[in-house]
Amino acid sequence: MLTLLQNIYSGAIFAMVLCTFLFYRLLKKHKRERELTKFEPIIYVIAHLAIFLWATSGLILVLDKQ
């Protein structure tokens, strides 16, 4: 049961990272086409930061296991 929950958790993390990356790309496209609304730059920065933090923490975890 614990393995199943860990797999579901990992899948959820992967889905959130994928959605964040795709949303970041969409905002980047909108930024090129038009000026962003007041709320969109905040989301743009948060999405960029979230991807960076996820990648950095994943790298640290991989290096820590060795």
PDB file of N, CA and C in Angstrom:
ATOM      1  N   MET A   1       0.827  -1.200   0.000  1.00  0.00           N
ATOM      2  CA  MET A   1       0.000   0.000   0.000  1.00  0.00           C
ATOM      3  C   MET A   1       0.871   1.263   0.000  1.00  0.00           C
ATOM      4  N   LEU A   2       1.964   1.218   0.775  1.00  0.00           N
ATOM      5  CA  LEU A   2       2.847   2.369   0.860  1.00  0.00           C
ATOM      6  C   LEU A   2       3.495   2.660  -0.491  1.00  0.00           C
ATOM      7  N   THR A   3       3.876   1.617  -1.216  1.00  0.00           N
ATOM      8  CA  THR A   3       4.469   1.786  -2.534  1.00  0.00           C
ATOM      9  C   THR A   3       3.476   2.426  -3.499  1.00  0.00           C
ATOM     10  N   LEU A   4       2.234   2.009  -3.430  1.00  0.00           N
ATOM     11  CA  LEU A   4       1.200   2.588  -4.282  1.00  0.00           C
ATOM     12  C   LEU A   4       1.035   4.080  -3.995  1.00  0.00           C
ATOM     13  N   LEU A   5       1.006   4.441  -2.731  1.00  0.00           N
ATOM     14  CA  LEU A   5       0.865   5.852  -2.364  1.00  0.00           C
ATOM     15  C   LEU A   5       2.081   6.666  -2.807  1.00  0.00           C
ATOM     16  N   GLN A   6       3.266   6.082  -2.702  1.00  0.00           N
ATOM     17  CA  GLN A   6       4.466   6.780  -3.162  1.00  0.00           C
ATOM     18  C   GLN A   6       4.429   6.984  -4.680  1.00  0.00           C
ATOM     19  N   ASN A   7       3.930   5.999  -5.404  1.00  0.00           N
ATOM     20  CA  ASN A   7       3.806   6.128  -6.856  1.00  0.00           C
ATOM     21  C   ASN A   7       2.785   7.195  -7.236  1.00  0.00           C
ATOM     22  N   ILE A   8       1.677   7.233  -6.529  1.00  0.00           N
ATOM     23  CA  ILE A   8       0.657   8.258  -6.772  1.00  0.00           C
ATOM     24  C   ILE A   8       1.221   9.641  -6.470  1.00  0.00           C
ATOM     25  N   TYR A   9       1.962   9.747  -5.376  1.00  0.00           N
ATOM     26  CA  TYR A   9       2.587  11.011  -4.992  1.00  0.00           C
ATOM     27  C   TYR A   9       3.580  11.466  -6.064  1.00  0.00           C
ATOM     28  N   SER A  10       4.411  10.555  -6.528  1.00  0.00           N
ATOM     29  CA  SER A  10       5.388  10.878  -7.579  1.00  0.00           C
ATOM     30  C   SER A  10       4.691  11.294  -8.869  1.00  0.00           C
ATOM     31  N   GLY A  11       3.623  10.614  -9.220  1.00  0.00           N
ATOM     32  CA  GLY A  11       2.856  10.976 -10.409  1.00  0.00           C
ATOM     33  C   GLY A  11       2.237  12.356 -10.281  1.00  0.00           C
ATOM     34  N   ALA A  12       1.738  12.679  -9.095  1.00  0.00           N
ATOM     35  CA  ALA A  12       1.148  13.993  -8.865  1.00  0.00           C
ATOM     36  C   ALA A  12       2.205  15.094  -8.974  1.00  0.00           C
ATOM     37  N   ILE A  13       3.377  14.848  -8.427  1.00  0.00           N
ATOM     38  CA  ILE A  13       4.472  15.820  -8.526  1.00  0.00           C
ATOM     39  C   ILE A  13       4.842  16.032  -9.992  1.00  0.00           C
ATOM     40  N   PHE A  14       4.966  14.937 -10.732  1.00  0.00           N
ATOM     41  CA  PHE A  14       5.296  15.029 -12.155  1.00  0.00           C
ATOM     42  C   PHE A  14       4.236  15.829 -12.908  1.00  0.00           C
ATOM     43  N   ALA A  15       2.962  15.573 -12.626  1.00  0.00           N
ATOM     44  CA  ALA A  15       1.877  16.286 -13.303  1.00  0.00           C
ATOM     45  C   ALA A  15       1.913  17.781 -12.975  1.00  0.00           C
ATOM     46  N   MET A  16       2.176  18.117 -11.720  1.00  0.00           N
ATOM     47  CA  MET A  16       2.238  19.528 -11.344  1.00  0.00           C
ATOM     48  C   MET A  16       3.410  20.233 -12.012  1.00  0.00           C
ATOM     49  N   VAL A  17       4.555  19.567 -12.078  1.00  0.00           N
ATOM     50  CA  VAL A  17       5.713  20.174 -12.722  1.00  0.00           C
ATOM     51  C   VAL A  17       5.450  20.350 -14.222  1.00  0.00           C
ATOM     52  N   LEU A  18       4.864  19.348 -14.843  1.00  0.00           N
ATOM     53  CA  LEU A  18       4.545  19.441 -16.267  1.00  0.00           C
ATOM     54  C   LEU A  18       3.566  20.579 -16.538  1.00  0.00           C
ATOM     55  N   CYS A  19       2.526  20.681 -15.737  1.00  0.00           N
ATOM     56  CA  CYS A  19       1.539  21.755 -15.922  1.00  0.00           C
ATOM     57  C   CYS A  19       2.167  23.127 -15.693  1.00  0.00           C
ATOM     58  N   THR A  20       3.034  23.232 -14.684  1.00  0.00           N
ATOM     59  CA  THR A  20       3.706  24.495 -14.422  1.00  0.00           C
ATOM     60  C   THR A  20       4.585  24.891 -15.591  1.00  0.00           C
ATOM     61  N   PHE A  21       5.328  23.915 -16.146  1.00  0.00           N
ATOM     62  CA  PHE A  21       6.191  24.195 -17.283  1.00  0.00           C
ATOM     63  C   PHE A  21       5.382  24.638 -18.502  1.00  0.00           C
ATOM     64  N   LEU A  22       4.281  23.937 -18.771  1.00  0.00           N
ATOM     65  CA  LEU A  22       3.443  24.301 -19.919  1.00  0.00           C
ATOM     66  C   LEU A  22       2.796  25.670 -19.729  1.00  0.00           C
ATOM     67  N   PHE A  23       2.372  25.968 -18.518  1.00  0.00           N
ATOM     68  CA  PHE A  23       1.761  27.267 -18.238  1.00  0.00           C
ATOM     69  C   PHE A  23       2.799  28.381 -18.367  1.00  0.00           C
ATOM     70  N   TYR A  24       4.024  28.102 -17.929  1.00  0.00           N
ATOM     71  CA  TYR A  24       5.111  29.061 -18.069  1.00  0.00           C
ATOM     72  C   TYR A  24       5.354  29.373 -19.546  1.00  0.00           C
ATOM     73  N   ARG A  25       5.365  28.341 -20.376  1.00  0.00           N
ATOM     74  CA  ARG A  25       5.560  28.544 -21.821  1.00  0.00           C
ATOM     75  C   ARG A  25       4.410  29.350 -22.423  1.00  0.00           C
ATOM     76  N   LEU A  26       3.182  29.095 -21.967  1.00  0.00           N
ATOM     77  CA  LEU A  26       2.032  29.852 -22.459  1.00  0.00           C
ATOM     78  C   LEU A  26       2.158  31.331 -22.089  1.00  0.00           C
ATOM     79  N   LEU A  27       2.555  31.600 -20.843  1.00  0.00           N
ATOM     80  CA  LEU A  27       2.731  32.996 -20.432  1.00  0.00           C
ATOM     81  C   LEU A  27       3.864  33.667 -21.205  1.00  0.00           C
ATOM     82  N   LYS A  28       4.909  32.908 -21.490  1.00  0.00           N
ATOM     83  CA  LYS A  28       6.013  33.447 -22.277  1.00  0.00           C
ATOM     84  C   LYS A  28       5.534  33.829 -23.677  1.00  0.00           C
ATOM     85  N   LYS A  29       4.666  32.995 -24.251  1.00  0.00           N
ATOM     86  CA  LYS A  29       4.097  33.284 -25.575  1.00  0.00           C
ATOM     87  C   LYS A  29       3.216  34.531 -25.521  1.00  0.00           C
ATOM     88  N   HIS A  30       2.376  34.621 -24.487  1.00  0.00           N
ATOM     89  CA  HIS A  30       1.512  35.797 -24.339  1.00  0.00           C
ATOM     90  C   HIS A  30       2.344  37.061 -24.153  1.00  0.00           C
ATOM     91  N   LYS A  31       3.457  36.926 -23.448  1.00  0.00           N
ATOM     92  CA  LYS A  31       4.321  38.085 -23.201  1.00  0.00           C
ATOM     93  C   LYS A  31       4.901  38.620 -24.505  1.00  0.00           C
ATOM     94  N   ARG A  32       5.208  37.735 -25.444  1.00  0.00           N
ATOM     95  CA  ARG A  32       5.726  38.160 -26.744  1.00  0.00           C
ATOM     96  C   ARG A  32       4.631  38.795 -27.598  1.00  0.00           C
ATOM     97  N   GLU A  33       3.406  38.292 -27.477  1.00  0.00           N
ATOM     98  CA  GLU A  33       2.305  38.761 -28.316  1.00  0.00           C
ATOM     99  C   GLU A  33       1.674  40.061 -27.817  1.00  0.00           C
ATOM    100  N   ARG A  34       1.592  40.182 -26.516  1.00  0.00           N
ATOM    101  CA  ARG A  34       0.909  41.349 -25.943  1.00  0.00           C
ATOM    102  C   ARG A  34       1.464  41.627 -24.554  1.00  0.00           C
ATOM    103  N   GLU A  35       1.048  42.736 -23.987  1.00  0.00           N
ATOM    104  CA  GLU A  35       1.443  43.060 -22.622  1.00  0.00           C
ATOM    105  C   GLU A  35       0.647  42.188 -21.651  1.00  0.00           C
ATOM    106  N   LEU A  36       1.316  41.690 -20.625  1.00  0.00           N
ATOM    107  CA  LEU A  36       0.639  40.846 -19.653  1.00  0.00           C
ATOM    108  C   LEU A  36      -0.240  41.688 -18.736  1.00  0.00           C
ATOM    109  N   THR A  37      -1.296  41.064 -18.212  1.00  0.00           N
ATOM    110  CA  THR A  37      -2.152  41.748 -17.245  1.00  0.00           C
ATOM    111  C   THR A  37      -1.389  41.896 -15.931  1.00  0.00           C
ATOM    112  N   LYS A  38      -1.977  42.560 -14.969  1.00  0.00           N
ATOM    113  CA  LYS A  38      -1.297  42.807 -13.692  1.00  0.00           C
ATOM    114  C   LYS A  38      -0.993  41.516 -12.937  1.00  0.00           C
ATOM    115  N   PHE A  39      -1.818  40.509 -13.074  1.00  0.00           N
ATOM    116  CA  PHE A  39      -1.671  39.260 -12.335  1.00  0.00           C
ATOM    117  C   PHE A  39      -0.707  38.287 -13.021  1.00  0.00           C
ATOM    118  N   GLU A  40      -0.619  38.332 -14.335  1.00  0.00           N
ATOM    119  CA  GLU A  40       0.183  37.367 -15.096  1.00  0.00           C
ATOM    120  C   GLU A  40       1.686  37.433 -14.821  1.00  0.00           C
ATOM    121  N   PRO A  41       2.302  38.602 -14.634  1.00  0.00           N
ATOM    122  CA  PRO A  41       3.740  38.600 -14.321  1.00  0.00           C
ATOM    123  C   PRO A  41       4.062  37.902 -12.998  1.00  0.00           C
ATOM    124  N   ILE A  42       3.146  38.011 -12.052  1.00  0.00           N
ATOM    125  CA  ILE A  42       3.349  37.334 -10.769  1.00  0.00           C
ATOM    126  C   ILE A  42       3.343  35.827 -10.972  1.00  0.00           C
ATOM    127  N   ILE A  43       2.387  35.335 -11.729  1.00  0.00           N
ATOM    128  CA  ILE A  43       2.311  33.909 -12.026  1.00  0.00           C
ATOM    129  C   ILE A  43       3.535  33.472 -12.824  1.00  0.00           C
ATOM    130  N   TYR A  44       3.980  34.310 -13.745  1.00  0.00           N
ATOM    131  CA  TYR A  44       5.152  34.024 -14.576  1.00  0.00           C
ATOM    132  C   TYR A  44       6.391  33.802 -13.703  1.00  0.00           C
ATOM    133  N   VAL A  45       6.609  34.678 -12.747  1.00  0.00           N
ATOM    134  CA  VAL A  45       7.769  34.572 -11.856  1.00  0.00           C
ATOM    135  C   VAL A  45       7.635  33.365 -10.934  1.00  0.00           C
ATOM    136  N   ILE A  46       6.451  33.139 -10.400  1.00  0.00           N
ATOM    137  CA  ILE A  46       6.246  32.002  -9.499  1.00  0.00           C
ATOM    138  C   ILE A  46       6.453  30.685 -10.237  1.00  0.00           C
ATOM    139  N   ALA A  47       5.953  30.576 -11.456  1.00  0.00           N
ATOM    140  CA  ALA A  47       6.139  29.353 -12.239  1.00  0.00           C
ATOM    141  C   ALA A  47       7.614  29.128 -12.541  1.00  0.00           C
ATOM    142  N   HIS A  48       8.316  30.187 -12.899  1.00  0.00           N
ATOM    143  CA  HIS A  48       9.746  30.085 -13.181  1.00  0.00           C
ATOM    144  C   HIS A  48      10.507  29.654 -11.922  1.00  0.00           C
ATOM    145  N   LEU A  49      10.188  30.241 -10.806  1.00  0.00           N
ATOM    146  CA  LEU A  49      10.820  29.904  -9.534  1.00  0.00           C
ATOM    147  C   LEU A  49      10.511  28.470  -9.117  1.00  0.00           C
ATOM    148  N   ALA A  50       9.272  28.036  -9.322  1.00  0.00           N
ATOM    149  CA  ALA A  50       8.880  26.676  -8.944  1.00  0.00           C
ATOM    150  C   ALA A  50       9.641  25.632  -9.756  1.00  0.00           C
ATOM    151  N   ILE A  51       9.805  25.855 -11.045  1.00  0.00           N
ATOM    152  CA  ILE A  51      10.559  24.925 -11.885  1.00  0.00           C
ATOM    153  C   ILE A  51      12.013  24.880 -11.431  1.00  0.00           C
ATOM    154  N   PHE A  52      12.592  26.041 -11.158  1.00  0.00           N
ATOM    155  CA  PHE A  52      13.983  26.097 -10.703  1.00  0.00           C
ATOM    156  C   PHE A  52      14.162  25.377  -9.365  1.00  0.00           C
ATOM    157  N   LEU A  53      13.274  25.627  -8.418  1.00  0.00           N
ATOM    158  CA  LEU A  53      13.377  24.981  -7.104  1.00  0.00           C
ATOM    159  C   LEU A  53      13.193  23.479  -7.201  1.00  0.00           C
ATOM    160  N   TRP A  54      12.262  23.036  -8.045  1.00  0.00           N
ATOM    161  CA  TRP A  54      12.052  21.605  -8.217  1.00  0.00           C
ATOM    162  C   TRP A  54      13.293  20.939  -8.798  1.00  0.00           C
ATOM    163  N   ALA A  55      13.871  21.539  -9.819  1.00  0.00           N
ATOM    164  CA  ALA A  55      15.054  20.962 -10.451  1.00  0.00           C
ATOM    165  C   ALA A  55      16.242  20.963  -9.488  1.00  0.00           C
ATOM    166  N   THR A  56      16.426  22.032  -8.749  1.00  0.00           N
ATOM    167  CA  THR A  56      17.535  22.121  -7.807  1.00  0.00           C
ATOM    168  C   THR A  56      17.381  21.116  -6.676  1.00  0.00           C
ATOM    169  N   SER A  57      16.187  21.028  -6.112  1.00  0.00           N
ATOM    170  CA  SER A  57      15.976  20.080  -5.011  1.00  0.00           C
ATOM    171  C   SER A  57      16.103  18.640  -5.495  1.00  0.00           C
ATOM    172  N   GLY A  58      15.651  18.356  -6.708  1.00  0.00           N
ATOM    173  CA  GLY A  58      15.813  17.015  -7.264  1.00  0.00           C
ATOM    174  C   GLY A  58      17.272  16.648  -7.454  1.00  0.00           C
ATOM    175  N   LEU A  59      18.054  17.603  -7.930  1.00  0.00           N
ATOM    176  CA  LEU A  59      19.484  17.380  -8.110  1.00  0.00           C
ATOM    177  C   LEU A  59      20.174  17.140  -6.772  1.00  0.00           C
ATOM    178  N   ILE A  60      19.819  17.932  -5.779  1.00  0.00           N
ATOM    179  CA  ILE A  60      20.400  17.749  -4.446  1.00  0.00           C
ATOM    180  C   ILE A  60      20.041  16.384  -3.875  1.00  0.00           C
ATOM    181  N   LEU A  61      18.793  15.963  -4.038  1.00  0.00           N
ATOM    182  CA  LEU A  61      18.385  14.643  -3.547  1.00  0.00           C
ATOM    183  C   LEU A  61      19.140  13.519  -4.249  1.00  0.00           C
ATOM    184  N   VAL A  62      19.346  13.647  -5.547  1.00  0.00           N
ATOM    185  CA  VAL A  62      20.071  12.614  -6.290  1.00  0.00           C
ATOM    186  C   VAL A  62      21.521  12.563  -5.834  1.00  0.00           C
ATOM    187  N   LEU A  63      22.132  13.725  -5.675  1.00  0.00           N
ATOM    188  CA  LEU A  63      23.533  13.767  -5.251  1.00  0.00           C
ATOM    189  C   LEU A  63      23.712  13.318  -3.795  1.00  0.00           C
ATOM    190  N   ASP A  64      22.695  13.524  -2.985  1.00  0.00           N
ATOM    191  CA  ASP A  64      22.764  13.144  -1.567  1.00  0.00           C
ATOM    192  C   ASP A  64      22.708  11.619  -1.409  1.00  0.00           C
ATOM    193  N   LYS A  65      22.039  10.932  -2.313  1.00  0.00           N
ATOM    194  CA  LYS A  65      21.904   9.479  -2.216  1.00  0.00           C
ATOM    195  C   LYS A  65      23.213   8.759  -2.537  1.00  0.00           C
ATOM    196  N   GLN A  66      24.110   9.423  -3.224  1.00  0.00           N
ATOM    197  CA  GLN A  66      25.358   8.772  -3.630  1.00  0.00           C
ATOM    198  C   GLN A  66      26.351   8.747  -2.545  1.00  0.00           C
TER     199      GLN A  66
END
